[in-house]
Amino acid sequence: MAKVDEAVHKKIAAGLGDSRVSPAVLARLMQDENLYVNESFLHYFINYVVQMANTTHVPLYLQEVQHQCKLLYSSLQELGLTGTVGREPVDKTEFLAV
């Protein structure tokens, strides 16, 4: 693993491991980031789900997390979202209203 990957992982883990940090607030703040940050985070999350769902040994305290990852992995497979998709250029003038 490259040192830069390890450094970024430590920062992400430190932020998510801090009990004062709200995952909901982090998700809201993520919406303000650029496309590549959002896309990379999504790839990070999907890769985590795939790896956790397919691992054969997990500590007992991660058993429920692995179960949730297996359910998510199954849904991602049904949707065809477990493969790698390349980045595509973005039309920054297009918006979606929800």
C-alpha atoms as a PDB file:
ATOM      1  CA  MET A   1       0.000   0.000   0.000  1.00  0.00           C
ATOM      2  CA  ALA A   2       1.337   3.440  -0.875  1.00  0.00           C
ATOM      3  CA  LYS A   3       2.167   5.803   1.971  1.00  0.00           C
ATOM      4  CA  VAL A   4      -0.309   8.354   0.654  1.00  0.00           C
ATOM      5  CA  ASP A   5      -3.115   5.751   0.776  1.00  0.00           C
ATOM      6  CA  GLU A   6      -2.201   4.869   4.330  1.00  0.00           C
ATOM      7  CA  ALA A   7      -2.110   8.525   5.381  1.00  0.00           C
ATOM      8  CA  VAL A   8      -5.522   9.264   3.853  1.00  0.00           C
ATOM      9  CA  HIS A   9      -6.991   6.130   5.449  1.00  0.00           C
ATOM     10  CA  LYS A  10      -5.717   7.204   8.879  1.00  0.00           C
ATOM     11  CA  LYS A  11      -7.351  10.632   8.459  1.00  0.00           C
ATOM     12  CA  ILE A  12     -10.674   9.131   7.374  1.00  0.00           C
ATOM     13  CA  ALA A  13     -10.611   6.563  10.201  1.00  0.00           C
ATOM     14  CA  ALA A  14      -9.734   9.250  12.757  1.00  0.00           C
ATOM     15  CA  GLY A  15     -12.608  11.443  11.602  1.00  0.00           C
ATOM     16  CA  LEU A  16     -15.157   8.627  11.538  1.00  0.00           C
ATOM     17  CA  GLY A  17     -13.900   7.265  14.866  1.00  0.00           C
ATOM     18  CA  ASP A  18     -14.416  10.574  16.665  1.00  0.00           C
ATOM     19  CA  SER A  19     -17.684  10.360  18.614  1.00  0.00           C
ATOM     20  CA  ARG A  20     -18.172  14.139  18.323  1.00  0.00           C
ATOM     21  CA  VAL A  21     -18.446  13.876  14.525  1.00  0.00           C
ATOM     22  CA  SER A  22     -21.891  13.283  13.034  1.00  0.00           C
ATOM     23  CA  PRO A  23     -22.056  10.986   9.975  1.00  0.00           C
ATOM     24  CA  ALA A  24     -25.169  12.891   8.866  1.00  0.00           C
ATOM     25  CA  VAL A  25     -23.303  16.211   8.925  1.00  0.00           C
ATOM     26  CA  LEU A  26     -20.369  14.642   7.064  1.00  0.00           C
ATOM     27  CA  ALA A  27     -22.771  13.347   4.407  1.00  0.00           C
ATOM     28  CA  ARG A  28     -24.308  16.801   4.030  1.00  0.00           C
ATOM     29  CA  LEU A  29     -20.880  18.434   3.740  1.00  0.00           C
ATOM     30  CA  MET A  30     -19.851  15.849   1.128  1.00  0.00           C
ATOM     31  CA  GLN A  31     -22.568  17.173  -1.187  1.00  0.00           C
ATOM     32  CA  ASP A  32     -20.646  20.441  -1.454  1.00  0.00           C
ATOM     33  CA  GLU A  33     -17.460  18.726  -2.657  1.00  0.00           C
ATOM     34  CA  ASN A  34     -16.566  18.369  -6.321  1.00  0.00           C
ATOM     35  CA  LEU A  35     -17.505  15.413  -8.508  1.00  0.00           C
ATOM     36  CA  TYR A  36     -14.219  13.560  -8.103  1.00  0.00           C
ATOM     37  CA  VAL A  37     -14.343  13.714  -4.297  1.00  0.00           C
ATOM     38  CA  ASN A  38     -17.898  12.371  -4.273  1.00  0.00           C
ATOM     39  CA  GLU A  39     -17.128   9.721  -6.877  1.00  0.00           C
ATOM     40  CA  SER A  40     -13.971   8.597  -5.051  1.00  0.00           C
ATOM     41  CA  PHE A  41     -15.812   8.375  -1.747  1.00  0.00           C
ATOM     42  CA  LEU A  42     -18.494   6.253  -3.385  1.00  0.00           C
ATOM     43  CA  HIS A  43     -15.822   3.913  -4.797  1.00  0.00           C
ATOM     44  CA  TYR A  44     -14.182   3.794  -1.354  1.00  0.00           C
ATOM     45  CA  PHE A  45     -17.494   2.827   0.253  1.00  0.00           C
ATOM     46  CA  ILE A  46     -18.396   0.214  -2.386  1.00  0.00           C
ATOM     47  CA  ASN A  47     -14.941  -1.367  -2.150  1.00  0.00           C
ATOM     48  CA  TYR A  48     -15.272  -1.509   1.637  1.00  0.00           C
ATOM     49  CA  VAL A  49     -18.663  -3.226   1.344  1.00  0.00           C
ATOM     50  CA  VAL A  50     -17.350  -5.751  -1.196  1.00  0.00           C
ATOM     51  CA  GLN A  51     -14.258  -6.581   0.855  1.00  0.00           C
ATOM     52  CA  MET A  52     -16.128  -6.816   4.153  1.00  0.00           C
ATOM     53  CA  ALA A  53     -18.881  -8.970   2.621  1.00  0.00           C
ATOM     54  CA  ASN A  54     -16.397 -11.431   1.141  1.00  0.00           C
ATOM     55  CA  THR A  55     -13.941 -11.741   4.020  1.00  0.00           C
ATOM     56  CA  THR A  56     -13.917 -15.050   5.879  1.00  0.00           C
ATOM     57  CA  HIS A  57     -12.590 -13.871   9.249  1.00  0.00           C
ATOM     58  CA  VAL A  58     -13.796 -10.824  11.164  1.00  0.00           C
ATOM     59  CA  PRO A  59     -13.548  -9.940  14.839  1.00  0.00           C
ATOM     60  CA  LEU A  60     -16.708 -10.718  16.783  1.00  0.00           C
ATOM     61  CA  TYR A  61     -17.503  -7.030  17.279  1.00  0.00           C
ATOM     62  CA  LEU A  62     -17.659  -6.567  13.470  1.00  0.00           C
ATOM     63  CA  GLN A  63     -20.106  -9.423  12.902  1.00  0.00           C
ATOM     64  CA  GLU A  64     -23.130  -7.139  12.530  1.00  0.00           C
ATOM     65  CA  VAL A  65     -21.204  -4.794  10.211  1.00  0.00           C
ATOM     66  CA  GLN A  66     -20.251  -7.763   8.027  1.00  0.00           C
ATOM     67  CA  HIS A  67     -23.881  -8.914   7.934  1.00  0.00           C
ATOM     68  CA  GLN A  68     -25.010  -5.457   6.797  1.00  0.00           C
ATOM     69  CA  CYS A  69     -22.234  -5.410   4.181  1.00  0.00           C
ATOM     70  CA  LYS A  70     -23.390  -8.796   2.857  1.00  0.00           C
ATOM     71  CA  LEU A  71     -26.920  -7.433   2.446  1.00  0.00           C
ATOM     72  CA  LEU A  72     -25.622  -4.276   0.750  1.00  0.00           C
ATOM     73  CA  TYR A  73     -23.318  -6.330  -1.477  1.00  0.00           C
ATOM     74  CA  SER A  74     -26.233  -8.487  -2.590  1.00  0.00           C
ATOM     75  CA  SER A  75     -28.221  -5.378  -3.505  1.00  0.00           C
ATOM     76  CA  LEU A  76     -25.251  -3.826  -5.298  1.00  0.00           C
ATOM     77  CA  GLN A  77     -24.810  -7.020  -7.327  1.00  0.00           C
ATOM     78  CA  GLU A  78     -28.484  -6.997  -8.342  1.00  0.00           C
ATOM     79  CA  LEU A  79     -28.047  -3.416  -9.537  1.00  0.00           C
ATOM     80  CA  GLY A  80     -24.785  -4.200 -11.322  1.00  0.00           C
ATOM     81  CA  LEU A  81     -22.832  -1.710  -9.226  1.00  0.00           C
ATOM     82  CA  THR A  82     -19.984  -3.884  -7.991  1.00  0.00           C
ATOM     83  CA  GLY A  83     -17.738  -3.294 -11.009  1.00  0.00           C
ATOM     84  CA  THR A  84     -15.394  -0.384 -11.585  1.00  0.00           C
ATOM     85  CA  VAL A  85     -16.715   2.500 -13.632  1.00  0.00           C
ATOM     86  CA  GLY A  86     -14.428   5.127 -15.094  1.00  0.00           C
ATOM     87  CA  ARG A  87     -14.924   8.816 -14.541  1.00  0.00           C
ATOM     88  CA  GLU A  88     -16.865  10.672 -17.175  1.00  0.00           C
ATOM     89  CA  PRO A  89     -16.808  14.381 -18.007  1.00  0.00           C
ATOM     90  CA  VAL A  90     -19.514  16.368 -16.284  1.00  0.00           C
ATOM     91  CA  ASP A  91     -21.820  19.040 -17.642  1.00  0.00           C
ATOM     92  CA  LYS A  92     -21.658  21.549 -14.786  1.00  0.00           C
ATOM     93  CA  THR A  93     -24.726  23.397 -16.044  1.00  0.00           C
ATOM     94  CA  GLU A  94     -27.039  20.418 -15.436  1.00  0.00           C
ATOM     95  CA  PHE A  95     -28.966  20.207 -12.160  1.00  0.00           C
ATOM     96  CA  LEU A  96     -31.410  17.764 -10.635  1.00  0.00           C
ATOM     97  CA  ALA A  97     -34.373  18.972  -8.623  1.00  0.00           C
ATOM     98  CA  VAL A  98     -35.717  16.588  -5.985  1.00  0.00           C
END
